[in-house]
Amino acid sequence: MSKKIKKLLEKLDIKEDIDYTILDIAITHKSYKAELRDNNILDNERLEFLGDAVLKLSVSNWLYCNYPNASEGQMSTARAYVVSDKSLANVSRRINLSKNIKLGHKEIASGGKEKDSILANCFEAVLGALFICKGFEFTSNLIINLLKNDLINAMNGRAEESNSKDLLQKLTQAKFKILPEYNSFHLDGPPHKAIFKCVLKVLDKEFEAIGKSKKEAEQKAAKLALKEFVND
């Protein structure tokens, strides 16, 4: 067993027999394989695909069982918040996953060990590996233990305080299979005191908001839309 795998298992408090070969694949980024140019090395993309499915099912099941009065919109928003790259990257940092990822030297030089996308994808790959080794119940319990506080915070309104545009996009894709439409423009004021307006359209509904920048106006409009569709 490599030192990287051993440290990861210790952090996750896993003492049971595990297929170390699969876990080694889970922490192998595609840049590591590309740099070595060895076709016998497997990267973690397939395990990431599997782990993503296990993660979403585990979170969905926990929300459904623990919040019987929550609407589909509320659960979808909470799940989107918890399984976002930012959230999963924070979990990865808590378990020191960044120190155990195998990256190519160029990716390391570009700060790959701290990139949210890489950390989140690697975490999902580890979940995929654990699912293969230990099954759904074991992996799901581990997921909830790691994410429970985040899930509770999300259901208490924390989710809506994060990136509203990102959450709205995930919600509308999940519920309606569409993307929000933003129309943002300069409304009034000189460049140093400009006021921008955003008109956001989702299905047949429109939401308007103003801000000191297009980004601020769009975030405010997205937050209004979230309140509408989360409680729908």
Protein backbone atom coordinates (compact mmCIF):
# COMPACT_ATOMS: atom_id res chain seq x y z
CA MET A 1 0.00 0.00 0.00
CA SER A 2 1.37 3.41 -0.96
CA LYS A 3 1.80 6.13 1.66
CA LYS A 4 -0.79 8.27 -0.14
CA ILE A 5 -3.44 5.54 0.06
CA LYS A 6 -2.58 4.78 3.69
CA LYS A 7 -2.92 8.43 4.75
CA LEU A 8 -6.23 8.77 2.90
CA LEU A 9 -7.70 5.69 4.57
CA GLU A 10 -6.55 6.91 7.98
CA LYS A 11 -8.23 10.28 7.40
CA LEU A 12 -11.47 8.54 6.39
CA ASP A 13 -11.14 6.18 9.37
CA ILE A 14 -11.39 3.13 7.10
CA LYS A 15 -9.78 0.02 8.52
CA GLU A 16 -11.62 -2.64 6.53
CA ASP A 17 -10.06 -4.46 3.59
CA ILE A 18 -9.99 -2.24 0.53
CA ASP A 19 -8.78 -2.85 -3.02
CA TYR A 20 -5.81 -0.49 -2.98
CA THR A 21 -5.39 -0.74 -6.76
CA ILE A 22 -8.81 0.85 -7.33
CA LEU A 23 -8.14 3.55 -4.76
CA ASP A 24 -4.85 4.33 -6.46
CA ILE A 25 -6.77 4.87 -9.71
CA ALA A 26 -9.21 7.13 -7.85
CA ILE A 27 -6.44 9.55 -6.87
CA THR A 28 -4.79 9.53 -10.32
CA HIS A 29 -5.60 12.63 -12.36
CA LYS A 30 -5.51 12.47 -16.16
CA SER A 31 -2.56 14.89 -16.21
CA TYR A 32 -0.43 12.30 -14.41
CA LYS A 33 -1.23 9.66 -17.01
CA ALA A 34 -0.67 12.08 -19.90
CA GLU A 35 2.71 13.15 -18.57
CA LEU A 36 4.01 9.61 -18.20
CA ARG A 37 2.54 8.57 -21.56
CA ASP A 38 1.81 5.12 -20.19
CA ASN A 39 -1.39 3.53 -21.49
CA ASN A 40 -1.26 0.99 -18.69
CA ILE A 41 -1.97 3.75 -16.17
CA LEU A 42 -5.66 4.40 -15.57
CA ASP A 43 -6.96 7.82 -14.56
CA ASN A 44 -9.94 8.49 -12.31
CA GLU A 45 -12.52 9.81 -14.79
CA ARG A 46 -14.61 6.61 -14.95
CA LEU A 47 -14.62 6.29 -11.16
CA GLU A 48 -15.62 9.96 -10.93
CA PHE A 49 -18.65 9.22 -13.12
CA LEU A 50 -19.68 6.37 -10.83
CA GLY A 51 -19.01 8.28 -7.62
CA ASP A 52 -21.09 11.24 -8.80
CA ALA A 53 -24.11 8.96 -9.15
CA VAL A 54 -23.57 7.39 -5.72
CA LEU A 55 -23.14 10.83 -4.16
CA LYS A 56 -26.34 12.29 -5.61
CA LEU A 57 -28.41 9.22 -4.73
CA SER A 58 -27.08 9.22 -1.15
CA VAL A 59 -27.80 12.92 -0.66
CA SER A 60 -31.23 12.66 -2.30
CA ASN A 61 -32.19 9.70 -0.12
CA TRP A 62 -31.05 11.45 3.07
CA LEU A 63 -32.97 14.61 2.24
CA TYR A 64 -36.10 12.65 1.33
CA CYS A 65 -36.02 10.64 4.59
CA ASN A 66 -35.05 13.46 6.94
CA TYR A 67 -37.17 16.31 5.53
CA PRO A 68 -40.59 14.77 4.77
CA ASN A 69 -42.23 18.18 4.39
CA ALA A 70 -39.62 19.66 2.04
CA SER A 71 -40.64 20.42 -1.53
CA GLU A 72 -38.82 19.06 -4.56
CA GLY A 73 -37.43 22.55 -5.14
CA GLN A 74 -36.04 22.85 -1.63
CA MET A 75 -34.38 19.45 -1.83
CA SER A 76 -33.00 20.15 -5.31
CA THR A 77 -31.51 23.46 -4.18
CA ALA A 78 -29.93 21.90 -1.09
CA ARG A 79 -28.49 19.04 -3.12
CA ALA A 80 -27.09 21.41 -5.75
CA TYR A 81 -25.37 23.39 -3.00
CA VAL A 82 -23.87 20.34 -1.29
CA VAL A 83 -22.65 18.54 -4.43
CA SER A 84 -21.21 21.68 -6.06
CA ASP A 85 -17.49 21.74 -6.84
CA LYS A 86 -16.93 24.38 -4.16
CA SER A 87 -18.62 22.33 -1.45
CA LEU A 88 -16.95 19.05 -2.40
CA ALA A 89 -13.57 20.75 -2.68
CA ASN A 90 -13.95 21.98 0.89
CA VAL A 91 -14.69 18.41 2.01
CA SER A 92 -11.61 17.25 0.11
CA ARG A 93 -9.50 19.79 1.97
CA ARG A 94 -10.89 18.63 5.31
CA ILE A 95 -9.73 15.09 4.61
CA ASN A 96 -6.41 16.29 3.12
CA LEU A 97 -7.25 14.73 -0.23
CA SER A 98 -5.24 17.40 -2.04
CA LYS A 99 -2.03 16.01 -0.55
CA ASN A 100 -2.76 12.56 -1.95
CA ILE A 101 -3.76 13.33 -5.55
CA LYS A 102 -1.36 12.20 -8.27
CA LEU A 103 -0.98 15.05 -10.76
CA GLY A 104 1.34 15.84 -13.64
CA HIS A 105 4.10 18.36 -12.91
CA LYS A 106 2.55 21.04 -15.14
CA GLU A 107 -0.79 20.69 -13.35
CA ILE A 108 0.95 20.93 -9.99
CA ALA A 109 2.81 24.05 -11.14
CA SER A 110 -0.49 25.67 -12.16
CA GLY A 111 -1.93 25.12 -8.68
CA GLY A 112 -3.85 21.96 -9.53
CA LYS A 113 -3.81 20.65 -5.97
CA GLU A 114 -6.00 23.57 -4.91
CA LYS A 115 -8.37 23.74 -7.89
CA ASP A 116 -11.95 23.15 -6.78
CA SER A 117 -12.80 21.14 -9.90
CA ILE A 118 -9.90 18.72 -9.47
CA LEU A 119 -10.52 18.27 -5.74
CA ALA A 120 -14.24 17.69 -6.27
CA ASN A 121 -13.72 15.23 -9.13
CA CYS A 122 -11.13 13.27 -7.16
CA PHE A 123 -13.45 13.09 -4.16
CA GLU A 124 -16.19 11.66 -6.37
CA ALA A 125 -13.71 9.16 -7.80
CA VAL A 126 -12.80 7.99 -4.30
CA LEU A 127 -16.50 7.50 -3.61
CA GLY A 128 -16.77 5.44 -6.79
CA ALA A 129 -13.87 3.28 -5.67
CA LEU A 130 -15.38 2.76 -2.22
CA PHE A 131 -18.71 1.84 -3.78
CA ILE A 132 -17.01 -0.89 -5.82
CA CYS A 133 -15.09 -2.15 -2.79
CA LYS A 134 -17.66 -1.84 -0.01
CA GLY A 135 -21.06 -1.35 -1.62
CA PHE A 136 -23.68 1.37 -1.48
CA GLU A 137 -24.62 1.32 2.22
CA PHE A 138 -21.04 1.71 3.42
CA THR A 139 -20.27 4.48 0.92
CA SER A 140 -23.55 6.29 1.54
CA ASN A 141 -22.97 6.33 5.31
CA LEU A 142 -19.51 7.77 4.74
CA ILE A 143 -20.93 10.46 2.45
CA ILE A 144 -23.56 11.54 4.97
CA ASN A 145 -21.02 11.60 7.80
CA LEU A 146 -18.86 13.95 5.75
CA LEU A 147 -21.69 16.14 4.43
CA LYS A 148 -24.32 16.10 7.17
CA ASN A 149 -23.54 19.57 8.55
CA ASP A 150 -23.50 21.01 5.03
CA LEU A 151 -26.85 19.37 4.30
CA ILE A 152 -28.43 20.79 7.44
CA ASN A 153 -27.04 24.25 6.69
CA ALA A 154 -28.38 24.02 3.14
CA MET A 155 -31.87 23.12 4.32
CA ASN A 156 -31.74 25.98 6.82
CA GLY A 157 -31.27 28.48 4.02
CA ARG A 158 -27.49 28.53 3.62
CA ALA A 159 -27.79 27.21 0.06
CA GLU A 160 -29.60 30.32 -1.13
CA GLU A 161 -26.85 32.53 0.31
CA SER A 162 -24.16 31.08 -1.96
CA ASN A 163 -23.92 31.49 -5.73
CA SER A 164 -27.54 32.03 -6.66
CA LYS A 165 -26.89 31.92 -10.41
CA ASP A 166 -25.17 28.55 -10.18
CA LEU A 167 -27.88 27.09 -7.96
CA LEU A 168 -30.65 28.42 -10.19
CA GLN A 169 -29.05 26.89 -13.26
CA LYS A 170 -28.77 23.49 -11.57
CA LEU A 171 -32.36 23.75 -10.34
CA THR A 172 -33.90 24.73 -13.68
CA GLN A 173 -31.92 22.05 -15.49
CA ALA A 174 -33.10 19.42 -13.02
CA LYS A 175 -36.75 20.51 -12.93
CA PHE A 176 -37.41 21.96 -16.38
CA LYS A 177 -34.46 20.91 -18.58
CA ILE A 178 -33.81 24.55 -19.48
CA LEU A 179 -31.33 27.31 -18.65
CA PRO A 180 -32.23 30.73 -17.19
CA GLU A 181 -32.12 33.65 -19.65
CA TYR A 182 -30.38 36.82 -18.42
CA ASN A 183 -30.72 40.23 -20.06
CA SER A 184 -28.47 42.70 -18.22
CA PHE A 185 -27.80 46.31 -19.19
CA HIS A 186 -26.61 49.71 -17.92
CA LEU A 187 -29.65 51.44 -16.47
CA ASP A 188 -28.39 54.77 -15.16
CA GLY A 189 -25.49 56.73 -13.71
CA PRO A 190 -21.90 57.55 -14.70
CA PRO A 191 -19.26 54.79 -14.99
CA HIS A 192 -18.03 55.22 -11.40
CA LYS A 193 -21.58 55.11 -10.01
CA ALA A 194 -23.33 52.99 -12.59
CA ILE A 195 -26.58 51.17 -11.93
CA PHE A 196 -27.32 47.99 -13.84
CA LYS A 197 -30.58 46.17 -14.34
CA CYS A 198 -31.15 42.49 -14.99
CA VAL A 199 -34.30 40.96 -16.40
CA LEU A 200 -34.22 37.22 -15.80
CA LYS A 201 -36.61 34.88 -17.60
CA VAL A 202 -37.41 31.32 -16.53
CA LEU A 203 -40.23 29.65 -18.45
CA ASP A 204 -42.99 32.30 -18.63
CA LYS A 205 -41.88 34.19 -15.51
CA GLU A 206 -39.66 37.25 -15.31
CA PHE A 207 -37.61 38.54 -12.37
CA GLU A 208 -36.06 42.01 -12.24
CA ALA A 209 -33.27 43.35 -10.06
CA ILE A 210 -30.77 46.21 -10.02
CA GLY A 211 -27.19 46.34 -8.78
CA LYS A 212 -23.90 48.22 -8.91
CA SER A 213 -22.66 45.76 -11.55
CA LYS A 214 -24.18 43.29 -14.00
CA LYS A 215 -22.98 40.46 -11.80
CA GLU A 216 -24.69 41.87 -8.71
CA ALA A 217 -27.93 42.49 -10.58
CA GLU A 218 -27.92 38.97 -12.00
CA GLN A 219 -27.24 37.41 -8.61
CA LYS A 220 -30.12 39.36 -7.07
CA ALA A 221 -32.49 38.34 -9.87
CA ALA A 222 -31.42 34.71 -9.54
CA LYS A 223 -32.08 34.84 -5.80
CA LEU A 224 -35.61 36.09 -6.46
CA ALA A 225 -36.17 33.25 -8.91
CA LEU A 226 -34.83 30.69 -6.46
CA LYS A 227 -37.35 31.79 -3.82
CA GLU A 228 -40.12 31.36 -6.39
CA PHE A 229 -39.16 27.91 -7.63
CA VAL A 230 -37.85 26.43 -4.38
CA ASN A 231 -41.27 26.91 -2.79
CA ASP A 232 -43.15 26.01 -5.95
